[in-house]
Amino acid sequence: MRQKSIGRKLTGIRPFIDRFVELKSVDNIMENIISSLPNQEILKDAIVRLSVQYPREWDTLIDEAAMRRFAGQAFEFHLVKRPQIEARIRLPAGQGVSNLVP
């Protein structure tokens, strides 16, 4: 027996906007973040999630209040900060653990 699917268009639902930004340069950080969001007409009454990935040292350069002001017309704005920690090598280059003295 074959089932027939019935399509129905949902109306009255809020749009969901999901954006991801990876910062690679310290220049114009806030401009790069805000330019990743759509204009304020599209943000109006939407649920917005913005994920930002950046080096941990740049945390103080990100102005969360400015982003919230820009997305002020949104129904809900979620900022997901993803600071990246650079792995450090504790041994000098070319030296192995076997070469160390106790």
PDB file of N, CA and C in Angstrom:
ATOM      1  N   MET A   1       0.840  -1.170   0.000  1.00  0.00           N
ATOM      2  CA  MET A   1       0.000   0.000   0.000  1.00  0.00           C
ATOM      3  C   MET A   1       0.889   1.238   0.000  1.00  0.00           C
ATOM      4  N   ARG A   2       0.612   2.127  -0.872  1.00  0.00           N
ATOM      5  CA  ARG A   2       1.393   3.352  -1.010  1.00  0.00           C
ATOM      6  C   ARG A   2       0.718   4.466  -0.223  1.00  0.00           C
ATOM      7  N   GLN A   3       1.520   5.165   0.584  1.00  0.00           N
ATOM      8  CA  GLN A   3       0.968   6.263   1.368  1.00  0.00           C
ATOM      9  C   GLN A   3       1.127   7.566   0.607  1.00  0.00           C
ATOM     10  N   LYS A   4       0.134   8.368   0.704  1.00  0.00           N
ATOM     11  CA  LYS A   4       0.163   9.663   0.048  1.00  0.00           C
ATOM     12  C   LYS A   4       0.549  10.709   1.088  1.00  0.00           C
ATOM     13  N   SER A   5       1.566  11.483   0.767  1.00  0.00           N
ATOM     14  CA  SER A   5       1.958  12.524   1.723  1.00  0.00           C
ATOM     15  C   SER A   5       1.175  13.794   1.426  1.00  0.00           C
ATOM     16  N   ILE A   6       0.766  14.416   2.481  1.00  0.00           N
ATOM     17  CA  ILE A   6      -0.005  15.644   2.363  1.00  0.00           C
ATOM     18  C   ILE A   6       0.895  16.781   2.824  1.00  0.00           C
ATOM     19  N   GLY A   7       1.196  17.690   1.929  1.00  0.00           N
ATOM     20  CA  GLY A   7       2.047  18.827   2.275  1.00  0.00           C
ATOM     21  C   GLY A   7       1.204  19.990   2.766  1.00  0.00           C
ATOM     22  N   ARG A   8       1.658  20.573   3.831  1.00  0.00           N
ATOM     23  CA  ARG A   8       0.970  21.746   4.367  1.00  0.00           C
ATOM     24  C   ARG A   8       1.991  22.830   4.615  1.00  0.00           C
ATOM     25  N   LYS A   9       1.670  24.009   4.228  1.00  0.00           N
ATOM     26  CA  LYS A   9       2.557  25.141   4.437  1.00  0.00           C
ATOM     27  C   LYS A   9       2.291  25.716   5.822  1.00  0.00           C
ATOM     28  N   LEU A  10       3.356  25.814   6.597  1.00  0.00           N
ATOM     29  CA  LEU A  10       3.233  26.396   7.928  1.00  0.00           C
ATOM     30  C   LEU A  10       3.276  27.909   7.824  1.00  0.00           C
ATOM     31  N   THR A  11       2.380  28.549   8.521  1.00  0.00           N
ATOM     32  CA  THR A  11       2.359  30.011   8.525  1.00  0.00           C
ATOM     33  C   THR A  11       2.468  30.501   9.957  1.00  0.00           C
ATOM     34  N   GLY A  12       2.936  31.695  10.095  1.00  0.00           N
ATOM     35  CA  GLY A  12       3.019  32.307  11.416  1.00  0.00           C
ATOM     36  C   GLY A  12       4.185  31.825  12.260  1.00  0.00           C
ATOM     37  N   ILE A  13       5.191  31.198  11.640  1.00  0.00           N
ATOM     38  CA  ILE A  13       6.337  30.752  12.417  1.00  0.00           C
ATOM     39  C   ILE A  13       7.465  31.768  12.282  1.00  0.00           C
ATOM     40  N   ARG A  14       8.302  31.826  13.294  1.00  0.00           N
ATOM     41  CA  ARG A  14       9.423  32.756  13.282  1.00  0.00           C
ATOM     42  C   ARG A  14      10.563  32.189  12.444  1.00  0.00           C
ATOM     43  N   PRO A  15      11.230  33.056  11.693  1.00  0.00           N
ATOM     44  CA  PRO A  15      12.410  32.575  10.965  1.00  0.00           C
ATOM     45  C   PRO A  15      13.557  32.306  11.937  1.00  0.00           C
ATOM     46  N   PHE A  16      14.379  31.323  11.613  1.00  0.00           N
ATOM     47  CA  PHE A  16      15.563  30.999  12.400  1.00  0.00           C
ATOM     48  C   PHE A  16      16.777  31.292  11.542  1.00  0.00           C
ATOM     49  N   ILE A  17      17.641  32.158  12.038  1.00  0.00           N
ATOM     50  CA  ILE A  17      18.847  32.548  11.308  1.00  0.00           C
ATOM     51  C   ILE A  17      20.048  32.026  12.086  1.00  0.00           C
ATOM     52  N   ASP A  18      20.856  31.203  11.435  1.00  0.00           N
ATOM     53  CA  ASP A  18      22.022  30.598  12.069  1.00  0.00           C
ATOM     54  C   ASP A  18      23.253  30.987  11.253  1.00  0.00           C
ATOM     55  N   ARG A  19      24.170  31.726  11.870  1.00  0.00           N
ATOM     56  CA  ARG A  19      25.374  32.185  11.168  1.00  0.00           C
ATOM     57  C   ARG A  19      26.621  31.764  11.930  1.00  0.00           C
ATOM     58  N   PHE A  20      27.702  31.530  11.182  1.00  0.00           N
ATOM     59  CA  PHE A  20      28.995  31.154  11.758  1.00  0.00           C
ATOM     60  C   PHE A  20      30.059  32.076  11.175  1.00  0.00           C
ATOM     61  N   VAL A  21      30.917  32.614  12.052  1.00  0.00           N
ATOM     62  CA  VAL A  21      32.009  33.480  11.620  1.00  0.00           C
ATOM     63  C   VAL A  21      33.297  32.968  12.240  1.00  0.00           C
ATOM     64  N   GLU A  22      34.315  32.816  11.407  1.00  0.00           N
ATOM     65  CA  GLU A  22      35.646  32.471  11.913  1.00  0.00           C
ATOM     66  C   GLU A  22      36.548  33.667  11.673  1.00  0.00           C
ATOM     67  N   LEU A  23      37.016  34.267  12.768  1.00  0.00           N
ATOM     68  CA  LEU A  23      37.877  35.445  12.661  1.00  0.00           C
ATOM     69  C   LEU A  23      39.315  34.999  12.431  1.00  0.00           C
ATOM     70  N   LYS A  24      39.923  35.552  11.381  1.00  0.00           N
ATOM     71  CA  LYS A  24      41.295  35.185  11.041  1.00  0.00           C
ATOM     72  C   LYS A  24      42.240  36.368  11.123  1.00  0.00           C
ATOM     73  N   SER A  25      41.695  37.566  11.270  1.00  0.00           N
ATOM     74  CA  SER A  25      42.518  38.765  11.335  1.00  0.00           C
ATOM     75  C   SER A  25      41.998  39.666  12.444  1.00  0.00           C
ATOM     76  N   VAL A  26      42.912  40.348  13.094  1.00  0.00           N
ATOM     77  CA  VAL A  26      42.530  41.246  14.177  1.00  0.00           C
ATOM     78  C   VAL A  26      41.946  42.562  13.635  1.00  0.00           C
ATOM     79  N   ASP A  27      42.131  42.807  12.343  1.00  0.00           N
ATOM     80  CA  ASP A  27      41.621  44.032  11.723  1.00  0.00           C
ATOM     81  C   ASP A  27      40.108  43.959  11.544  1.00  0.00           C
ATOM     82  N   ASN A  28      39.421  45.012  11.955  1.00  0.00           N
ATOM     83  CA  ASN A  28      37.972  45.160  11.746  1.00  0.00           C
ATOM     84  C   ASN A  28      37.164  43.988  12.282  1.00  0.00           C
ATOM     85  N   ILE A  29      37.444  43.572  13.477  1.00  0.00           N
ATOM     86  CA  ILE A  29      36.750  42.407  14.057  1.00  0.00           C
ATOM     87  C   ILE A  29      35.246  42.630  14.121  1.00  0.00           C
ATOM     88  N   MET A  30      34.823  43.733  14.707  1.00  0.00           N
ATOM     89  CA  MET A  30      33.380  43.961  14.876  1.00  0.00           C
ATOM     90  C   MET A  30      32.675  44.153  13.533  1.00  0.00           C
ATOM     91  N   GLU A  31      33.328  44.792  12.582  1.00  0.00           N
ATOM     92  CA  GLU A  31      32.723  44.965  11.264  1.00  0.00           C
ATOM     93  C   GLU A  31      32.527  43.606  10.587  1.00  0.00           C
ATOM     94  N   ASN A  32      33.509  42.714  10.739  1.00  0.00           N
ATOM     95  CA  ASN A  32      33.392  41.376  10.143  1.00  0.00           C
ATOM     96  C   ASN A  32      32.255  40.579  10.786  1.00  0.00           C
ATOM     97  N   ILE A  33      32.115  40.708  12.096  1.00  0.00           N
ATOM     98  CA  ILE A  33      31.058  39.967  12.790  1.00  0.00           C
ATOM     99  C   ILE A  33      29.686  40.491  12.389  1.00  0.00           C
ATOM    100  N   ILE A  34      29.510  41.800  12.456  1.00  0.00           N
ATOM    101  CA  ILE A  34      28.196  42.390  12.167  1.00  0.00           C
ATOM    102  C   ILE A  34      27.834  42.225  10.692  1.00  0.00           C
ATOM    103  N   SER A  35      28.823  42.255   9.802  1.00  0.00           N
ATOM    104  CA  SER A  35      28.506  42.081   8.378  1.00  0.00           C
ATOM    105  C   SER A  35      28.063  40.652   8.059  1.00  0.00           C
ATOM    106  N   SER A  36      28.338  39.715   8.955  1.00  0.00           N
ATOM    107  CA  SER A  36      27.888  38.337   8.723  1.00  0.00           C
ATOM    108  C   SER A  36      26.393  38.172   8.995  1.00  0.00           C
ATOM    109  N   LEU A  37      25.806  39.123   9.708  1.00  0.00           N
ATOM    110  CA  LEU A  37      24.367  39.073   9.991  1.00  0.00           C
ATOM    111  C   LEU A  37      23.586  39.741   8.863  1.00  0.00           C
ATOM    112  N   PRO A  38      22.371  39.307   8.616  1.00  0.00           N
ATOM    113  CA  PRO A  38      21.550  39.976   7.603  1.00  0.00           C
ATOM    114  C   PRO A  38      21.114  41.354   8.102  1.00  0.00           C
ATOM    115  N   ASN A  39      20.500  42.125   7.220  1.00  0.00           N
ATOM    116  CA  ASN A  39      20.079  43.466   7.633  1.00  0.00           C
ATOM    117  C   ASN A  39      18.969  43.393   8.682  1.00  0.00           C
ATOM    118  N   GLN A  40      18.699  44.514   9.308  1.00  0.00           N
ATOM    119  CA  GLN A  40      17.780  44.543  10.443  1.00  0.00           C
ATOM    120  C   GLN A  40      16.335  44.235  10.059  1.00  0.00           C
ATOM    121  N   GLU A  41      15.972  44.459   8.816  1.00  0.00           N
ATOM    122  CA  GLU A  41      14.611  44.104   8.370  1.00  0.00           C
ATOM    123  C   GLU A  41      14.405  42.584   8.442  1.00  0.00           C
ATOM    124  N   ILE A  42      15.421  41.829   8.042  1.00  0.00           N
ATOM    125  CA  ILE A  42      15.324  40.368   8.063  1.00  0.00           C
ATOM    126  C   ILE A  42      15.406  39.848   9.499  1.00  0.00           C
ATOM    127  N   LEU A  43      16.174  40.530  10.339  1.00  0.00           N
ATOM    128  CA  LEU A  43      16.325  40.107  11.738  1.00  0.00           C
ATOM    129  C   LEU A  43      15.056  40.321  12.565  1.00  0.00           C
ATOM    130  N   LYS A  44      14.191  41.211  12.118  1.00  0.00           N
ATOM    131  CA  LYS A  44      13.005  41.551  12.898  1.00  0.00           C
ATOM    132  C   LYS A  44      12.168  40.302  13.202  1.00  0.00           C
ATOM    133  N   ASP A  45      11.925  40.093  14.489  1.00  0.00           N
ATOM    134  CA  ASP A  45      11.113  38.988  15.018  1.00  0.00           C
ATOM    135  C   ASP A  45      11.697  37.600  14.732  1.00  0.00           C
ATOM    136  N   ALA A  46      12.955  37.517  14.361  1.00  0.00           N
ATOM    137  CA  ALA A  46      13.583  36.215  14.079  1.00  0.00           C
ATOM    138  C   ALA A  46      14.322  35.714  15.321  1.00  0.00           C
ATOM    139  N   ILE A  47      14.589  34.431  15.330  1.00  0.00           N
ATOM    140  CA  ILE A  47      15.455  33.832  16.336  1.00  0.00           C
ATOM    141  C   ILE A  47      16.822  33.704  15.677  1.00  0.00           C
ATOM    142  N   VAL A  48      17.837  34.295  16.312  1.00  0.00           N
ATOM    143  CA  VAL A  48      19.155  34.393  15.687  1.00  0.00           C
ATOM    144  C   VAL A  48      20.196  33.718  16.570  1.00  0.00           C
ATOM    145  N   ARG A  49      21.022  32.864  15.943  1.00  0.00           N
ATOM    146  CA  ARG A  49      22.172  32.285  16.633  1.00  0.00           C
ATOM    147  C   ARG A  49      23.409  32.649  15.825  1.00  0.00           C
ATOM    148  N   LEU A  50      24.355  33.296  16.492  1.00  0.00           N
ATOM    149  CA  LEU A  50      25.609  33.684  15.861  1.00  0.00           C
ATOM    150  C   LEU A  50      26.745  32.997  16.593  1.00  0.00           C
ATOM    151  N   SER A  51      27.485  32.149  15.885  1.00  0.00           N
ATOM    152  CA  SER A  51      28.644  31.461  16.446  1.00  0.00           C
ATOM    153  C   SER A  51      29.896  32.134  15.923  1.00  0.00           C
ATOM    154  N   VAL A  52      30.795  32.505  16.845  1.00  0.00           N
ATOM    155  CA  VAL A  52      32.023  33.203  16.473  1.00  0.00           C
ATOM    156  C   VAL A  52      33.212  32.400  16.988  1.00  0.00           C
ATOM    157  N   GLN A  53      34.094  32.024  16.074  1.00  0.00           N
ATOM    158  CA  GLN A  53      35.312  31.291  16.426  1.00  0.00           C
ATOM    159  C   GLN A  53      36.493  32.229  16.241  1.00  0.00           C
ATOM    160  N   TYR A  54      37.366  32.298  17.236  1.00  0.00           N
ATOM    161  CA  TYR A  54      38.460  33.263  17.220  1.00  0.00           C
ATOM    162  C   TYR A  54      39.566  32.813  18.176  1.00  0.00           C
ATOM    163  N   PRO A  55      40.787  33.350  18.007  1.00  0.00           N
ATOM    164  CA  PRO A  55      41.843  33.057  18.977  1.00  0.00           C
ATOM    165  C   PRO A  55      41.495  33.653  20.342  1.00  0.00           C
ATOM    166  N   ARG A  56      41.806  32.938  21.372  1.00  0.00           N
ATOM    167  CA  ARG A  56      41.425  33.341  22.732  1.00  0.00           C
ATOM    168  C   ARG A  56      41.927  34.742  23.110  1.00  0.00           C
ATOM    169  N   GLU A  57      43.063  35.136  22.571  1.00  0.00           N
ATOM    170  CA  GLU A  57      43.638  36.437  22.909  1.00  0.00           C
ATOM    171  C   GLU A  57      42.773  37.615  22.438  1.00  0.00           C
ATOM    172  N   TRP A  58      41.882  37.382  21.500  1.00  0.00           N
ATOM    173  CA  TRP A  58      41.053  38.445  20.941  1.00  0.00           C
ATOM    174  C   TRP A  58      39.731  38.610  21.681  1.00  0.00           C
ATOM    175  N   ASP A  59      39.542  37.909  22.771  1.00  0.00           N
ATOM    176  CA  ASP A  59      38.262  37.920  23.494  1.00  0.00           C
ATOM    177  C   ASP A  59      37.841  39.332  23.897  1.00  0.00           C
ATOM    178  N   THR A  60      38.781  40.157  24.318  1.00  0.00           N
ATOM    179  CA  THR A  60      38.440  41.509  24.771  1.00  0.00           C
ATOM    180  C   THR A  60      38.083  42.440  23.608  1.00  0.00           C
ATOM    181  N   LEU A  61      38.388  42.056  22.381  1.00  0.00           N
ATOM    182  CA  LEU A  61      38.091  42.895  21.219  1.00  0.00           C
ATOM    183  C   LEU A  61      36.670  42.699  20.690  1.00  0.00           C
ATOM    184  N   ILE A  62      35.973  41.716  21.212  1.00  0.00           N
ATOM    185  CA  ILE A  62      34.611  41.421  20.757  1.00  0.00           C
ATOM    186  C   ILE A  62      33.622  42.160  21.646  1.00  0.00           C
ATOM    187  N   ASP A  63      32.848  43.041  21.045  1.00  0.00           N
ATOM    188  CA  ASP A  63      31.881  43.879  21.768  1.00  0.00           C
ATOM    189  C   ASP A  63      30.487  43.244  21.665  1.00  0.00           C
ATOM    190  N   GLU A  64      30.154  42.455  22.681  1.00  0.00           N
ATOM    191  CA  GLU A  64      28.871  41.755  22.674  1.00  0.00           C
ATOM    192  C   GLU A  64      27.696  42.727  22.727  1.00  0.00           C
ATOM    193  N   ALA A  65      27.849  43.827  23.448  1.00  0.00           N
ATOM    194  CA  ALA A  65      26.770  44.820  23.549  1.00  0.00           C
ATOM    195  C   ALA A  65      26.453  45.422  22.179  1.00  0.00           C
ATOM    196  N   ALA A  66      27.471  45.669  21.363  1.00  0.00           N
ATOM    197  CA  ALA A  66      27.241  46.224  20.022  1.00  0.00           C
ATOM    198  C   ALA A  66      26.477  45.234  19.150  1.00  0.00           C
ATOM    199  N   MET A  67      26.781  43.945  19.276  1.00  0.00           N
ATOM    200  CA  MET A  67      26.057  42.931  18.503  1.00  0.00           C
ATOM    201  C   MET A  67      24.596  42.859  18.940  1.00  0.00           C
ATOM    202  N   ARG A  68      24.378  42.949  20.245  1.00  0.00           N
ATOM    203  CA  ARG A  68      23.000  42.899  20.757  1.00  0.00           C
ATOM    204  C   ARG A  68      22.204  44.130  20.319  1.00  0.00           C
ATOM    205  N   ARG A  69      22.864  45.280  20.252  1.00  0.00           N
ATOM    206  CA  ARG A  69      22.188  46.491  19.762  1.00  0.00           C
ATOM    207  C   ARG A  69      21.809  46.326  18.294  1.00  0.00           C
ATOM    208  N   PHE A  70      22.730  45.774  17.491  1.00  0.00           N
ATOM    209  CA  PHE A  70      22.454  45.581  16.067  1.00  0.00           C
ATOM    210  C   PHE A  70      21.282  44.626  15.865  1.00  0.00           C
ATOM    211  N   ALA A  71      21.223  43.583  16.685  1.00  0.00           N
ATOM    212  CA  ALA A  71      20.167  42.574  16.560  1.00  0.00           C
ATOM    213  C   ALA A  71      18.995  42.886  17.490  1.00  0.00           C
ATOM    214  N   GLY A  72      18.823  44.119  17.850  1.00  0.00           N
ATOM    215  CA  GLY A  72      17.780  44.517  18.794  1.00  0.00           C
ATOM    216  C   GLY A  72      16.366  44.211  18.334  1.00  0.00           C
ATOM    217  N   GLN A  73      16.121  44.152  17.033  1.00  0.00           N
ATOM    218  CA  GLN A  73      14.783  43.866  16.500  1.00  0.00           C
ATOM    219  C   GLN A  73      14.470  42.371  16.492  1.00  0.00           C
ATOM    220  N   ALA A  74      15.490  41.554  16.737  1.00  0.00           N
ATOM    221  CA  ALA A  74      15.278  40.101  16.738  1.00  0.00           C
ATOM    222  C   ALA A  74      14.463  39.696  17.964  1.00  0.00           C
ATOM    223  N   PHE A  75      13.686  38.644  17.810  1.00  0.00           N
ATOM    224  CA  PHE A  75      12.914  38.121  18.932  1.00  0.00           C
ATOM    225  C   PHE A  75      13.854  37.571  20.002  1.00  0.00           C
ATOM    226  N   GLU A  76      14.885  36.847  19.543  1.00  0.00           N
ATOM    227  CA  GLU A  76      15.866  36.251  20.461  1.00  0.00           C
ATOM    228  C   GLU A  76      17.219  36.249  19.759  1.00  0.00           C
ATOM    229  N   PHE A  77      18.279  36.618  20.495  1.00  0.00           N
ATOM    230  CA  PHE A  77      19.629  36.630  19.932  1.00  0.00           C
ATOM    231  C   PHE A  77      20.541  35.818  20.840  1.00  0.00           C
ATOM    232  N   HIS A  78      21.175  34.789  20.276  1.00  0.00           N
ATOM    233  CA  HIS A  78      22.109  33.952  21.029  1.00  0.00           C
ATOM    234  C   HIS A  78      23.492  34.096  20.416  1.00  0.00           C
ATOM    235  N   LEU A  79      24.447  34.452  21.248  1.00  0.00           N
ATOM    236  CA  LEU A  79      25.836  34.553  20.814  1.00  0.00           C
ATOM    237  C   LEU A  79      26.605  33.369  21.387  1.00  0.00           C
ATOM    238  N   VAL A  80      27.232  32.609  20.509  1.00  0.00           N
ATOM    239  CA  VAL A  80      28.029  31.460  20.927  1.00  0.00           C
ATOM    240  C   VAL A  80      29.484  31.804  20.634  1.00  0.00           C
ATOM    241  N   LYS A  81      30.238  32.051  21.701  1.00  0.00           N
ATOM    242  CA  LYS A  81      31.660  32.369  21.547  1.00  0.00           C
ATOM    243  C   LYS A  81      32.462  31.083  21.607  1.00  0.00           C
ATOM    244  N   ARG A  82      33.372  30.928  20.650  1.00  0.00           N
ATOM    245  CA  ARG A  82      34.218  29.739  20.598  1.00  0.00           C
ATOM    246  C   ARG A  82      35.688  30.146  20.533  1.00  0.00           C
ATOM    247  N   PRO A  83      36.245  30.547  21.674  1.00  0.00           N
ATOM    248  CA  PRO A  83      37.671  30.903  21.668  1.00  0.00           C
ATOM    249  C   PRO A  83      38.529  29.662  21.466  1.00  0.00           C
ATOM    250  N   GLN A  84      39.524  29.781  20.617  1.00  0.00           N
ATOM    251  CA  GLN A  84      40.414  28.670  20.302  1.00  0.00           C
ATOM    252  C   GLN A  84      41.734  28.860  21.045  1.00  0.00           C
ATOM    253  N   ILE A  85      42.194  27.800  21.653  1.00  0.00           N
ATOM    254  CA  ILE A  85      43.451  27.833  22.378  1.00  0.00           C
ATOM    255  C   ILE A  85      44.497  27.126  21.520  1.00  0.00           C
ATOM    256  N   GLU A  86      45.594  27.823  21.282  1.00  0.00           N
ATOM    257  CA  GLU A  86      46.663  27.244  20.473  1.00  0.00           C
ATOM    258  C   GLU A  86      47.459  26.257  21.309  1.00  0.00           C
ATOM    259  N   ALA A  87      47.662  25.094  20.776  1.00  0.00           N
ATOM    260  CA  ALA A  87      48.436  24.075  21.484  1.00  0.00           C
ATOM    261  C   ALA A  87      49.901  24.507  21.509  1.00  0.00           C
ATOM    262  N   ARG A  88      50.509  24.412  22.677  1.00  0.00           N
ATOM    263  CA  ARG A  88      51.903  24.816  22.818  1.00  0.00           C
ATOM    264  C   ARG A  88      52.773  23.578  23.014  1.00  0.00           C
ATOM    265  N   ILE A  89      53.937  23.633  22.443  1.00  0.00           N
ATOM    266  CA  ILE A  89      54.909  22.566  22.642  1.00  0.00           C
ATOM    267  C   ILE A  89      55.778  22.979  23.820  1.00  0.00           C
ATOM    268  N   ARG A  90      55.851  22.144  24.809  1.00  0.00           N
ATOM    269  CA  ARG A  90      56.618  22.481  26.005  1.00  0.00           C
ATOM    270  C   ARG A  90      58.087  22.103  25.894  1.00  0.00           C
ATOM    271  N   LEU A  91      58.408  21.199  24.989  1.00  0.00           N
ATOM    272  CA  LEU A  91      59.801  20.811  24.785  1.00  0.00           C
ATOM    273  C   LEU A  91      60.380  21.620  23.636  1.00  0.00           C
ATOM    274  N   PRO A  92      61.658  21.944  23.707  1.00  0.00           N
ATOM    275  CA  PRO A  92      62.285  22.631  22.572  1.00  0.00           C
ATOM    276  C   PRO A  92      62.210  21.753  21.322  1.00  0.00           C
ATOM    277  N   ALA A  93      62.178  22.385  20.185  1.00  0.00           N
ATOM    278  CA  ALA A  93      62.081  21.653  18.920  1.00  0.00           C
ATOM    279  C   ALA A  93      63.282  20.726  18.766  1.00  0.00           C
ATOM    280  N   GLY A  94      63.044  19.511  18.351  1.00  0.00           N
ATOM    281  CA  GLY A  94      64.105  18.547  18.121  1.00  0.00           C
ATOM    282  C   GLY A  94      64.557  17.782  19.356  1.00  0.00           C
ATOM    283  N   GLN A  95      63.990  18.082  20.498  1.00  0.00           N
ATOM    284  CA  GLN A  95      64.384  17.377  21.728  1.00  0.00           C
ATOM    285  C   GLN A  95      63.235  16.483  22.170  1.00  0.00           C
ATOM    286  N   GLY A  96      63.546  15.231  22.418  1.00  0.00           N
ATOM    287  CA  GLY A  96      62.542  14.282  22.847  1.00  0.00           C
ATOM    288  C   GLY A  96      62.596  14.068  24.347  1.00  0.00           C
ATOM    289  N   VAL A  97      61.606  13.411  24.881  1.00  0.00           N
ATOM    290  CA  VAL A  97      61.526  13.137  26.313  1.00  0.00           C
ATOM    291  C   VAL A  97      62.697  12.257  26.744  1.00  0.00           C
ATOM    292  N   SER A  98      63.143  11.379  25.869  1.00  0.00           N
ATOM    293  CA  SER A  98      64.240  10.472  26.229  1.00  0.00           C
ATOM    294  C   SER A  98      65.552  11.209  26.456  1.00  0.00           C
ATOM    295  N   ASN A  99      65.681  12.423  25.936  1.00  0.00           N
ATOM    296  CA  ASN A  99      66.905  13.209  26.107  1.00  0.00           C
ATOM    297  C   ASN A  99      66.940  13.995  27.411  1.00  0.00           C
ATOM    298  N   LEU A 100      65.837  14.055  28.124  1.00  0.00           N
ATOM    299  CA  LEU A 100      65.770  14.833  29.357  1.00  0.00           C
ATOM    300  C   LEU A 100      66.365  14.068  30.529  1.00  0.00           C
ATOM    301  N   VAL A 101      66.925  14.809  31.466  1.00  0.00           N
ATOM    302  CA  VAL A 101      67.433  14.192  32.706  1.00  0.00           C
ATOM    303  C   VAL A 101      66.319  14.179  33.734  1.00  0.00           C
ATOM    304  N   PRO A 102      66.330  13.216  34.636  1.00  0.00           N
ATOM    305  CA  PRO A 102      65.256  13.156  35.628  1.00  0.00           C
ATOM    306  C   PRO A 102      65.338  14.341  36.516  1.00  0.00           C
TER     307      PRO A 102
END
